[in-house]
Amino acid sequence: MYREPDFTQPHLAAAPECRFAPAPADTVLPDGFMSTTNHPTYVKVGGRWRMPERPRMDSHLVWDPAAERLLIKEFRLVRKGDLVATAVKEDGSEGVLVWDRGFQDEVDETHIPEAFSFMASEVSREKPVNYDAIFREFVHNRGGAGNILWVIGPALVHARGRVAMEWMIHHGYCHGVITGNAVAVHDIEAALYGTTLGMRADGLGSAGGHSTHMRAINEVKKAGSIRKLVDGGQLTTGIMHALTVTSTPYVLGGSIRDDGPLPETIASVLDAQEAMRELTSRATMVVMVATALHAIAAGNMLPTFCHRPDGSISEITTICVDQTEFVVNKLKDRGTHQAFGVVTNAQDFMRLVQLELEARG
């Protein structure tokens, strides 16, 4: 359960109003501006402590007096005249309180770590994984009870996690997907030709397989879009088919090495960032599988908390799955410290989760 700050404490009750200064030009901040974190943040405006809208790290607090809205804006979205919060301290003494203790439990003395112990690293392939807790979070956030965002890489498709991902979409365990051009291309290739980058399901190559992903792109181009390929009856299975027929939102963020790219791929990194932001701002649970760059990008947009559909505040369950510890540690080092690491391959994780959730009904 989330525990709000006690604003009756003398130092918070007597705290001054937050100071705001106008931005001197577009994408230029006033001196002394505050840079946001991913923790719950309160700002004293108009005599009361308020939480800003659309929280995320590495952005800025902007007050709109006409609408009485407290926003968090990325650097690139700040416009001349925007009233930007200027504060150095985050303890409330300058009208800004960054609250990092909202989800801390009372100390359980039976679980205080010893000075010496085995398996002490935070992320390791040798440590047991509490899969029951992961399954409970999926069920807790299923359907209208939450918003599960998937951030996935091509290994999920290559590793035959594709069928499991398709199942998740059709059964209420996916409310949005962030990925790149490659995942969509390989998924469509698998649906049309039975290969991913020319590799068959048995792991063997196929004759002329090096070109099948290009043929898949061409089929989409001939149809005009992924949706038109689905509507025309040529694409009948797979992740992109499931996303399309269920109207589940997705973002294909482009990169410099994309083949094609597909019509739905967003080539502009700023436009892709904006589209990703729409999905991360709704998430109550995020599952990152087999992708370093998209995981870190999405993680940088995530606060540590969310407002649930019932109005309550809870932590965002953030799970990062990869076959090496490197990606999980890199994600945490980049600020997404709430991420829970599962060191295994994509196929094993996806299949295990699908089978367990199917059994739970």
Protein backbone atom coordinates (compact mmCIF):
# COMPACT_ATOMS: atom_id res chain seq x y z
CA MET A 1 0.00 0.00 0.00
CA TYR A 2 1.14 3.51 -0.79
CA ARG A 3 1.83 5.77 2.19
CA GLU A 4 1.55 9.50 1.53
CA PRO A 5 3.81 12.05 3.25
CA ASP A 6 2.50 13.51 6.49
CA PHE A 7 1.96 17.11 5.44
CA THR A 8 1.04 18.09 9.01
CA GLN A 9 4.69 17.76 10.01
CA PRO A 10 5.96 21.23 10.94
CA HIS A 11 8.61 21.49 8.22
CA LEU A 12 6.06 20.58 5.52
CA ALA A 13 3.15 22.56 6.97
CA ALA A 14 5.35 25.67 7.10
CA ALA A 15 7.01 25.05 3.72
CA PRO A 16 6.95 27.97 1.26
CA GLU A 17 5.21 27.93 -2.08
CA CYS A 18 7.26 26.56 -4.96
CA ARG A 19 8.90 29.27 -7.06
CA PHE A 20 8.32 29.34 -10.81
CA ALA A 21 10.20 31.33 -13.45
CA PRO A 22 9.29 31.80 -17.12
CA ALA A 23 11.25 29.92 -19.75
CA PRO A 24 13.30 32.53 -21.65
CA ALA A 25 12.85 30.79 -25.03
CA ASP A 26 11.55 27.58 -26.57
CA THR A 27 13.45 24.55 -25.20
CA VAL A 28 15.45 26.80 -22.85
CA LEU A 29 15.00 26.58 -19.09
CA PRO A 30 15.35 29.35 -16.48
CA ASP A 31 18.37 29.22 -14.18
CA GLY A 32 17.85 27.09 -11.10
CA PHE A 33 15.31 24.77 -12.77
CA MET A 34 14.48 21.45 -11.13
CA SER A 35 15.02 18.15 -12.95
CA THR A 36 12.47 15.50 -12.03
CA THR A 37 13.04 11.96 -10.74
CA ASN A 38 10.86 8.87 -11.15
CA HIS A 39 9.66 9.01 -7.51
CA PRO A 40 6.31 10.45 -6.40
CA THR A 41 6.72 14.23 -6.25
CA TYR A 42 4.63 16.88 -4.52
CA VAL A 43 4.71 20.59 -5.29
CA LYS A 44 3.20 23.28 -3.07
CA VAL A 45 1.07 25.55 -5.24
CA GLY A 46 -1.89 27.67 -4.17
CA GLY A 47 -1.58 26.65 -0.55
CA ARG A 48 -1.69 22.89 -1.11
CA TRP A 49 0.60 20.06 -2.09
CA ARG A 50 -0.13 18.72 -5.58
CA MET A 51 1.17 15.80 -7.64
CA PRO A 52 2.04 16.70 -11.25
CA GLU A 53 0.52 15.02 -14.28
CA ARG A 54 2.42 12.55 -16.48
CA PRO A 55 5.38 11.91 -14.15
CA ARG A 56 8.77 10.77 -15.47
CA MET A 57 12.47 11.34 -14.79
CA ASP A 58 14.77 13.86 -16.49
CA SER A 59 11.98 16.37 -17.16
CA HIS A 60 10.65 19.60 -15.63
CA LEU A 61 7.75 20.87 -13.51
CA VAL A 62 5.56 23.40 -15.30
CA TRP A 63 2.63 25.28 -13.73
CA ASP A 64 -0.28 26.38 -15.90
CA PRO A 65 -2.15 28.97 -13.78
CA ALA A 66 -5.02 29.44 -16.27
CA ALA A 67 -5.94 25.74 -16.20
CA GLU A 68 -4.58 25.20 -12.67
CA ARG A 69 -2.60 22.23 -13.93
CA LEU A 70 0.82 21.07 -12.77
CA LEU A 71 2.55 19.26 -15.61
CA ILE A 72 5.81 17.47 -16.19
CA LYS A 73 7.29 18.44 -19.54
CA GLU A 74 10.27 17.06 -21.40
CA PHE A 75 13.01 19.59 -22.20
CA ARG A 76 12.09 19.65 -25.89
CA LEU A 77 8.43 20.49 -25.11
CA VAL A 78 9.10 23.56 -22.95
CA ARG A 79 7.94 26.76 -24.64
CA LYS A 80 8.87 30.40 -24.08
CA GLY A 81 6.94 31.79 -21.11
CA ASP A 82 6.16 28.40 -19.53
CA LEU A 83 6.36 28.71 -15.74
CA VAL A 84 9.09 26.26 -14.74
CA ALA A 85 9.71 25.21 -11.13
CA THR A 86 13.01 26.48 -9.73
CA ALA A 87 14.22 24.49 -6.75
CA VAL A 88 17.45 22.86 -5.72
CA LYS A 89 16.33 21.01 -2.59
CA GLU A 90 13.86 18.13 -2.78
CA ASP A 91 12.96 17.88 0.93
CA GLY A 92 10.02 20.30 0.80
CA SER A 93 11.96 23.30 2.07
CA GLU A 94 11.61 24.98 -1.35
CA GLY A 95 8.08 23.81 -2.03
CA VAL A 96 9.08 20.57 -3.78
CA LEU A 97 9.06 17.18 -2.04
CA VAL A 98 10.43 14.05 -3.73
CA TRP A 99 8.90 11.17 -1.77
CA ASP A 100 10.92 7.95 -2.05
CA ARG A 101 9.43 6.22 1.01
CA GLY A 102 5.87 5.71 -0.16
CA PHE A 103 6.22 1.97 -0.62
CA GLN A 104 8.63 1.15 2.20
CA ASP A 105 7.33 -1.46 4.65
CA GLU A 106 8.05 -1.67 8.33
CA VAL A 107 11.37 -3.43 8.99
CA ASP A 108 11.03 -7.21 9.23
CA GLU A 109 13.87 -8.30 11.51
CA THR A 110 13.68 -11.89 10.23
CA HIS A 111 14.82 -10.69 6.79
CA ILE A 112 17.64 -8.30 7.69
CA PRO A 113 20.62 -9.29 5.48
CA GLU A 114 23.72 -10.64 7.16
CA ALA A 115 27.15 -9.14 6.63
CA PHE A 116 28.20 -12.33 4.82
CA SER A 117 25.85 -14.38 2.67
CA PHE A 118 25.67 -16.36 -0.56
CA MET A 119 23.65 -15.20 -3.58
CA ALA A 120 23.96 -11.59 -2.40
CA SER A 121 23.96 -9.97 -5.84
CA GLU A 122 20.67 -8.35 -6.78
CA VAL A 123 20.45 -9.97 -10.23
CA SER A 124 21.89 -13.41 -10.98
CA ARG A 125 21.02 -16.42 -13.11
CA GLU A 126 21.78 -18.56 -10.06
CA LYS A 127 19.16 -16.98 -7.79
CA PRO A 128 15.66 -18.47 -7.59
CA VAL A 129 12.88 -16.46 -9.24
CA ASN A 130 9.58 -15.93 -7.43
CA TYR A 131 7.42 -16.84 -10.40
CA ASP A 132 4.30 -17.11 -8.24
CA ALA A 133 4.57 -13.38 -7.50
CA ILE A 134 4.97 -12.68 -11.25
CA PHE A 135 1.88 -14.75 -12.06
CA ARG A 136 -0.13 -12.92 -9.39
CA GLU A 137 0.86 -9.57 -10.87
CA PHE A 138 -0.30 -10.65 -14.31
CA VAL A 139 -3.68 -11.71 -12.93
CA HIS A 140 -3.93 -8.55 -10.80
CA ASN A 141 -3.39 -6.33 -13.86
CA ARG A 142 -5.43 -8.33 -16.37
CA GLY A 143 -8.19 -6.74 -18.44
CA GLY A 144 -9.74 -3.59 -17.00
CA ALA A 145 -8.03 -4.01 -13.62
CA GLY A 146 -4.74 -2.60 -14.89
CA ASN A 147 -2.62 -1.85 -17.93
CA ILE A 148 0.13 -4.29 -18.93
CA LEU A 149 2.72 -2.85 -21.30
CA TRP A 150 5.11 -5.19 -23.12
CA VAL A 151 8.51 -4.01 -24.39
CA ILE A 152 9.87 -6.76 -26.64
CA GLY A 153 12.84 -7.55 -28.86
CA PRO A 154 13.37 -9.84 -31.88
CA ALA A 155 14.67 -12.74 -29.76
CA LEU A 156 11.13 -13.23 -28.51
CA VAL A 157 10.05 -13.99 -32.08
CA HIS A 158 13.13 -16.06 -32.94
CA ALA A 159 12.88 -18.04 -29.71
CA ARG A 160 9.30 -19.08 -30.49
CA GLY A 161 7.86 -16.93 -27.76
CA ARG A 162 5.72 -15.55 -30.57
CA VAL A 163 2.82 -17.94 -29.98
CA ALA A 164 2.81 -17.16 -26.26
CA MET A 165 2.83 -13.40 -26.97
CA GLU A 166 -0.08 -13.84 -29.35
CA TRP A 167 -1.96 -15.69 -26.60
CA MET A 168 -1.27 -12.88 -24.09
CA ILE A 169 -2.78 -10.31 -26.46
CA HIS A 170 -5.96 -12.32 -27.02
CA HIS A 171 -6.49 -13.10 -23.32
CA GLY A 172 -6.30 -9.69 -21.66
CA TYR A 173 -2.65 -9.77 -20.56
CA CYS A 174 -1.47 -7.10 -22.99
CA HIS A 175 -2.71 -3.51 -23.21
CA GLY A 176 0.10 -2.17 -25.37
CA VAL A 177 3.42 -3.06 -27.03
CA ILE A 178 6.58 -1.07 -27.57
CA THR A 179 9.07 -2.56 -29.98
CA GLY A 180 10.98 -1.90 -33.18
CA ASN A 181 10.64 -2.52 -36.90
CA ALA A 182 12.47 -5.87 -36.66
CA VAL A 183 9.93 -7.57 -34.38
CA ALA A 184 7.06 -6.71 -36.71
CA VAL A 185 9.03 -7.79 -39.79
CA HIS A 186 10.11 -11.13 -38.33
CA ASP A 187 6.64 -11.82 -36.95
CA ILE A 188 5.02 -11.17 -40.33
CA GLU A 189 7.74 -13.26 -42.02
CA ALA A 190 6.89 -16.12 -39.67
CA ALA A 191 3.19 -15.80 -40.47
CA LEU A 192 3.69 -15.68 -44.24
CA TYR A 193 6.67 -18.00 -44.77
CA GLY A 194 7.17 -19.99 -41.56
CA THR A 195 10.65 -18.56 -40.92
CA THR A 196 12.27 -15.75 -38.95
CA LEU A 197 15.29 -14.31 -40.75
CA GLY A 198 15.18 -17.46 -42.85
CA MET A 199 15.30 -19.82 -39.84
CA ARG A 200 12.60 -22.49 -39.57
CA ALA A 201 10.88 -23.46 -36.31
CA ASP A 202 13.23 -26.45 -35.94
CA GLY A 203 16.22 -24.09 -35.90
CA LEU A 204 17.45 -25.01 -39.37
CA GLY A 205 17.84 -22.61 -42.27
CA SER A 206 15.68 -22.62 -45.38
CA ALA A 207 16.73 -22.26 -49.01
CA GLY A 208 16.85 -18.58 -49.92
CA GLY A 209 15.91 -17.78 -46.34
CA HIS A 210 18.10 -14.70 -46.17
CA SER A 211 15.56 -12.85 -48.32
CA THR A 212 12.27 -13.89 -46.73
CA HIS A 213 12.15 -10.96 -44.31
CA MET A 214 12.52 -8.62 -47.28
CA ARG A 215 9.69 -10.42 -49.04
CA ALA A 216 7.56 -9.95 -45.93
CA ILE A 217 8.23 -6.21 -45.98
CA ASN A 218 7.30 -6.10 -49.65
CA GLU A 219 3.97 -7.84 -49.01
CA VAL A 220 3.10 -5.20 -46.43
CA LYS A 221 4.17 -2.44 -48.82
CA LYS A 222 2.01 -3.93 -51.60
CA ALA A 223 -0.99 -3.99 -49.27
CA GLY A 224 -0.25 -0.48 -48.00
CA SER A 225 -0.06 -1.24 -44.28
CA ILE A 226 -0.10 -4.04 -41.74
CA ARG A 227 -3.80 -3.41 -41.10
CA LYS A 228 -4.61 -3.70 -44.79
CA LEU A 229 -2.67 -6.96 -44.96
CA VAL A 230 -4.81 -8.25 -42.07
CA ASP A 231 -8.06 -6.89 -43.50
CA GLY A 232 -7.23 -8.45 -46.86
CA GLY A 233 -6.89 -11.89 -45.28
CA GLN A 234 -3.19 -12.40 -46.10
CA LEU A 235 -1.99 -12.03 -42.49
CA THR A 236 -3.95 -14.40 -40.24
CA THR A 237 -1.65 -15.26 -37.31
CA GLY A 238 1.07 -13.78 -35.13
CA ILE A 239 1.73 -10.83 -32.87
CA MET A 240 0.94 -8.08 -35.38
CA HIS A 241 -2.27 -9.84 -36.44
CA ALA A 242 -3.36 -10.15 -32.80
CA LEU A 243 -2.55 -6.50 -32.05
CA THR A 244 -4.49 -5.39 -35.12
CA VAL A 245 -7.66 -7.46 -34.65
CA THR A 246 -7.86 -6.60 -30.92
CA SER A 247 -7.12 -2.88 -31.55
CA THR A 248 -4.28 -3.07 -29.02
CA PRO A 249 -2.02 0.01 -29.40
CA TYR A 250 1.60 -0.50 -30.34
CA VAL A 251 4.65 1.56 -31.22
CA LEU A 252 7.26 0.48 -33.76
CA GLY A 253 10.19 2.76 -33.00
CA GLY A 254 12.54 3.13 -35.96
CA SER A 255 16.33 2.84 -35.95
CA ILE A 256 19.16 3.58 -38.35
CA ARG A 257 19.50 -0.10 -39.30
CA ASP A 258 15.84 -0.83 -40.19
CA ASP A 259 15.03 -2.75 -43.35
CA GLY A 260 12.12 -1.28 -45.26
CA PRO A 261 10.94 0.05 -42.95
CA LEU A 262 7.29 -0.99 -42.55
CA PRO A 263 4.72 1.77 -43.10
CA GLU A 264 3.75 1.76 -39.41
CA THR A 265 7.35 2.18 -38.22
CA ILE A 266 7.93 5.67 -36.80
CA ALA A 267 11.18 6.89 -38.34
CA SER A 268 11.48 10.10 -36.29
CA VAL A 269 12.94 9.35 -32.86
CA LEU A 270 11.09 12.31 -31.34
CA ASP A 271 7.75 11.17 -32.76
CA ALA A 272 8.50 7.63 -31.57
CA GLN A 273 9.33 8.95 -28.12
CA GLU A 274 6.03 10.81 -27.97
CA ALA A 275 4.09 7.72 -29.04
CA MET A 276 5.93 5.57 -26.48
CA ARG A 277 5.15 8.15 -23.81
CA GLU A 278 1.43 7.70 -24.39
CA LEU A 279 1.75 4.00 -23.60
CA THR A 280 4.14 4.28 -20.64
CA SER A 281 1.92 6.92 -18.99
CA ARG A 282 -0.94 4.39 -18.77
CA ALA A 283 1.04 1.38 -17.56
CA THR A 284 0.46 -0.32 -14.22
CA MET A 285 2.79 -3.22 -15.13
CA VAL A 286 5.66 -3.35 -17.63
CA VAL A 287 7.25 -6.53 -18.97
CA MET A 288 10.51 -6.10 -20.91
CA VAL A 289 11.72 -9.15 -22.81
CA ALA A 290 14.95 -9.53 -24.79
CA THR A 291 15.60 -5.90 -25.65
CA ALA A 292 18.24 -3.59 -24.22
CA LEU A 293 17.66 -0.32 -26.09
CA HIS A 294 13.86 -0.27 -26.00
CA ALA A 295 13.85 -1.42 -22.37
CA ILE A 296 16.12 1.44 -21.28
CA ALA A 297 14.20 3.94 -23.42
CA ALA A 298 10.86 2.88 -21.94
CA GLY A 299 12.35 2.68 -18.46
CA ASN A 300 13.47 6.30 -18.66
CA MET A 301 9.85 7.29 -19.28
CA LEU A 302 8.46 5.31 -16.35
CA PRO A 303 7.84 6.66 -12.87
CA THR A 304 8.13 4.17 -10.02
CA PHE A 305 4.39 4.49 -9.32
CA CYS A 306 1.07 4.68 -11.12
CA HIS A 307 -2.52 5.73 -10.57
CA ARG A 308 -4.63 2.60 -10.92
CA PRO A 309 -8.09 2.47 -12.55
CA ASP A 310 -9.70 2.45 -9.07
CA GLY A 311 -7.91 5.72 -8.18
CA SER A 312 -5.35 4.18 -5.81
CA ILE A 313 -1.58 4.64 -6.12
CA SER A 314 0.68 1.62 -6.44
CA GLU A 315 4.16 0.73 -7.58
CA ILE A 316 4.55 -0.07 -11.27
CA THR A 317 5.50 -3.73 -11.46
CA THR A 318 8.52 -3.73 -13.78
CA ILE A 319 9.97 -7.05 -14.95
CA CYS A 320 13.03 -7.28 -17.19
CA VAL A 321 13.76 -10.63 -18.83
CA ASP A 322 17.03 -11.34 -20.60
CA GLN A 323 19.48 -14.20 -20.96
CA THR A 324 22.27 -12.13 -19.38
CA GLU A 325 22.51 -10.05 -16.22
CA PHE A 326 23.97 -7.18 -18.25
CA VAL A 327 20.69 -5.82 -19.61
CA VAL A 328 18.92 -5.92 -16.25
CA ASN A 329 21.82 -4.21 -14.49
CA LYS A 330 22.13 -1.62 -17.26
CA LEU A 331 18.42 -0.82 -16.94
CA LYS A 332 18.74 -0.35 -13.19
CA ASP A 333 21.87 1.76 -13.60
CA ARG A 334 19.94 4.07 -15.92
CA GLY A 335 17.44 4.89 -13.19
CA THR A 336 14.82 2.14 -13.42
CA HIS A 337 15.83 0.80 -10.02
CA GLN A 338 12.43 -0.81 -9.40
CA ALA A 339 13.00 -3.34 -12.22
CA PHE A 340 12.91 -6.99 -11.16
CA GLY A 341 15.34 -9.10 -13.16
CA VAL A 342 14.64 -12.56 -14.57
CA VAL A 343 17.74 -14.05 -16.18
CA THR A 344 16.52 -16.64 -18.68
CA ASN A 345 15.80 -16.88 -22.39
CA ALA A 346 12.67 -15.41 -23.93
CA GLN A 347 11.14 -18.69 -25.04
CA ASP A 348 11.34 -20.29 -21.58
CA PHE A 349 9.86 -17.26 -19.84
CA MET A 350 7.03 -16.72 -22.31
CA ARG A 351 6.02 -20.38 -22.45
CA LEU A 352 6.10 -20.77 -18.67
CA VAL A 353 3.97 -17.68 -18.10
CA GLN A 354 1.47 -18.72 -20.78
CA LEU A 355 1.04 -22.24 -19.37
CA GLU A 356 0.61 -20.97 -15.81
CA LEU A 357 -1.88 -18.27 -16.74
CA GLU A 358 -3.85 -20.73 -18.89
CA ALA A 359 -4.07 -23.05 -15.89
CA ARG A 360 -5.36 -20.24 -13.70
CA GLY A 361 -8.14 -19.50 -16.19
